[in-house]
């Protein structure tokens, strides 16, 4: 009990601030409410891994998530810098949550098709 769970994850948008970032929305549950001290692990194309601290992510939500939240939504961005984007190819993302007690959630995957805009 108390293991975090990813209920759903969706692609949101490409933030106007950078074409090298993608926005996502993740819905979660964590019955013991210790997720805020954990992390979000993101894997891109099975070889590029990153970890996002949830303390800052909880505080960045609007409205802010309480540190003891047992359910909620997280909006976040993933940077694609360092990834060679090829028009018509897929990019695979995998997400997992790890809470303060070291319990890891289910892993959720998302596949997006790359559509590159031609230069004007």
Protein backbone atom coordinates (compact mmCIF):
# COMPACT_ATOMS: atom_id res chain seq x y z
CA UNK A 1 0.00 0.00 0.00
CA UNK A 2 1.12 3.57 -0.61
CA UNK A 3 2.69 2.76 -3.96
CA UNK A 4 2.15 5.65 -6.42
CA UNK A 5 0.13 4.96 -9.54
CA UNK A 6 0.04 6.77 -12.86
CA UNK A 7 -3.59 6.83 -13.96
CA UNK A 8 -3.12 8.59 -17.29
CA UNK A 9 -0.59 10.65 -19.24
CA UNK A 10 -1.30 12.83 -22.27
CA UNK A 11 0.59 15.08 -24.65
CA UNK A 12 -0.55 18.68 -24.14
CA UNK A 13 1.35 20.98 -26.44
CA UNK A 14 4.58 22.45 -27.71
CA UNK A 15 5.23 25.45 -25.45
CA UNK A 16 5.66 28.69 -27.37
CA UNK A 17 8.92 29.33 -25.48
CA UNK A 18 10.76 26.48 -27.25
CA UNK A 19 10.20 24.11 -30.13
CA UNK A 20 12.58 21.69 -28.37
CA UNK A 21 10.15 21.03 -25.50
CA UNK A 22 6.91 19.10 -25.22
CA UNK A 23 4.23 19.61 -22.59
CA UNK A 24 2.52 16.67 -20.84
CA UNK A 25 -0.23 16.14 -18.29
CA UNK A 26 0.05 13.22 -15.86
CA UNK A 27 -2.72 12.09 -13.48
CA UNK A 28 -1.62 10.21 -10.37
CA UNK A 29 -2.66 8.64 -7.08
CA UNK A 30 -0.45 8.01 -4.06
CA UNK A 31 -2.44 6.83 -1.05
CA UNK A 32 0.23 7.59 1.56
CA UNK A 33 0.78 11.15 0.26
CA UNK A 34 4.59 11.14 0.17
CA UNK A 35 5.04 11.66 -3.56
CA UNK A 36 6.09 15.32 -3.26
CA UNK A 37 9.46 14.22 -1.87
CA UNK A 38 9.99 11.84 -4.78
CA UNK A 39 10.69 12.15 -8.48
CA UNK A 40 9.29 11.70 -11.97
CA UNK A 41 11.46 9.53 -14.19
CA UNK A 42 11.24 10.09 -17.95
CA UNK A 43 12.81 7.88 -20.60
CA UNK A 44 12.89 9.03 -24.23
CA UNK A 45 13.48 6.41 -26.95
CA UNK A 46 14.74 3.88 -24.38
CA UNK A 47 18.12 5.56 -23.96
CA UNK A 48 17.78 9.14 -22.74
CA UNK A 49 16.70 9.21 -19.11
CA UNK A 50 16.00 12.17 -16.88
CA UNK A 51 14.64 12.70 -13.41
CA UNK A 52 12.45 15.63 -12.35
CA UNK A 53 12.17 16.46 -8.65
CA UNK A 54 8.51 16.54 -7.63
CA UNK A 55 8.92 19.15 -4.88
CA UNK A 56 9.45 21.89 -7.49
CA UNK A 57 6.87 20.37 -9.81
CA UNK A 58 4.20 20.27 -7.08
CA UNK A 59 4.89 23.95 -6.28
CA UNK A 60 4.76 24.94 -9.98
CA UNK A 61 1.22 23.62 -10.50
CA UNK A 62 -1.67 26.10 -10.65
CA UNK A 63 -3.21 25.75 -8.18
CA UNK A 64 -0.24 24.37 -6.23
CA UNK A 65 -0.48 20.77 -5.11
CA UNK A 66 -0.29 20.23 -1.38
CA UNK A 67 2.87 18.37 -0.26
CA UNK A 68 0.66 15.56 1.09
CA UNK A 69 -1.56 15.26 -2.01
CA UNK A 70 -2.77 11.70 -2.51
CA UNK A 71 -4.11 12.41 -6.03
CA UNK A 72 -3.75 15.11 -8.63
CA UNK A 73 -2.46 16.25 -11.99
CA UNK A 74 1.05 17.31 -12.94
CA UNK A 75 1.77 19.53 -15.92
CA UNK A 76 5.40 19.40 -16.99
CA UNK A 77 7.73 19.81 -19.94
CA UNK A 78 10.28 17.43 -21.42
CA UNK A 79 13.23 18.84 -23.34
CA UNK A 80 14.16 17.19 -26.62
CA UNK A 81 17.55 18.88 -26.92
CA UNK A 82 20.15 16.35 -27.93
CA UNK A 83 17.59 14.23 -29.81
CA UNK A 84 17.82 14.05 -33.59
CA UNK A 85 14.25 14.65 -34.74
CA UNK A 86 13.36 13.03 -38.07
CA UNK A 87 10.11 13.87 -39.85
CA UNK A 88 7.73 10.90 -39.92
CA UNK A 89 9.47 8.91 -37.18
CA UNK A 90 8.08 8.10 -33.74
CA UNK A 91 9.42 9.22 -30.38
CA UNK A 92 8.67 6.91 -27.45
CA UNK A 93 8.28 8.26 -23.93
CA UNK A 94 8.06 6.25 -20.71
CA UNK A 95 7.06 7.76 -17.36
CA UNK A 96 7.30 6.44 -13.79
CA UNK A 97 6.90 8.02 -10.35
CA UNK A 98 9.03 7.25 -7.31
CA UNK A 99 7.83 8.40 -3.86
CA UNK A 100 9.79 9.32 -0.73
CA UNK A 101 9.79 5.75 0.57
CA UNK A 102 11.33 4.44 -2.68
CA UNK A 103 8.18 2.83 -4.04
CA UNK A 104 7.95 3.05 -7.83
CA UNK A 105 4.73 3.35 -9.79
CA UNK A 106 3.61 1.52 -12.86
CA UNK A 107 5.36 2.60 -16.06
CA UNK A 108 3.25 4.37 -18.64
CA UNK A 109 4.26 4.82 -22.27
CA UNK A 110 3.31 7.31 -24.92
CA UNK A 111 4.32 7.34 -28.60
CA UNK A 112 4.30 10.53 -30.65
CA UNK A 113 4.79 10.96 -34.40
CA UNK A 114 7.32 13.63 -35.36
CA UNK A 115 5.94 16.18 -37.82
CA UNK A 116 8.51 18.86 -38.60
CA UNK A 117 7.52 22.22 -40.03
CA UNK A 118 9.47 23.20 -43.10
CA UNK A 119 11.54 26.36 -42.84
CA UNK A 120 9.97 29.41 -44.50
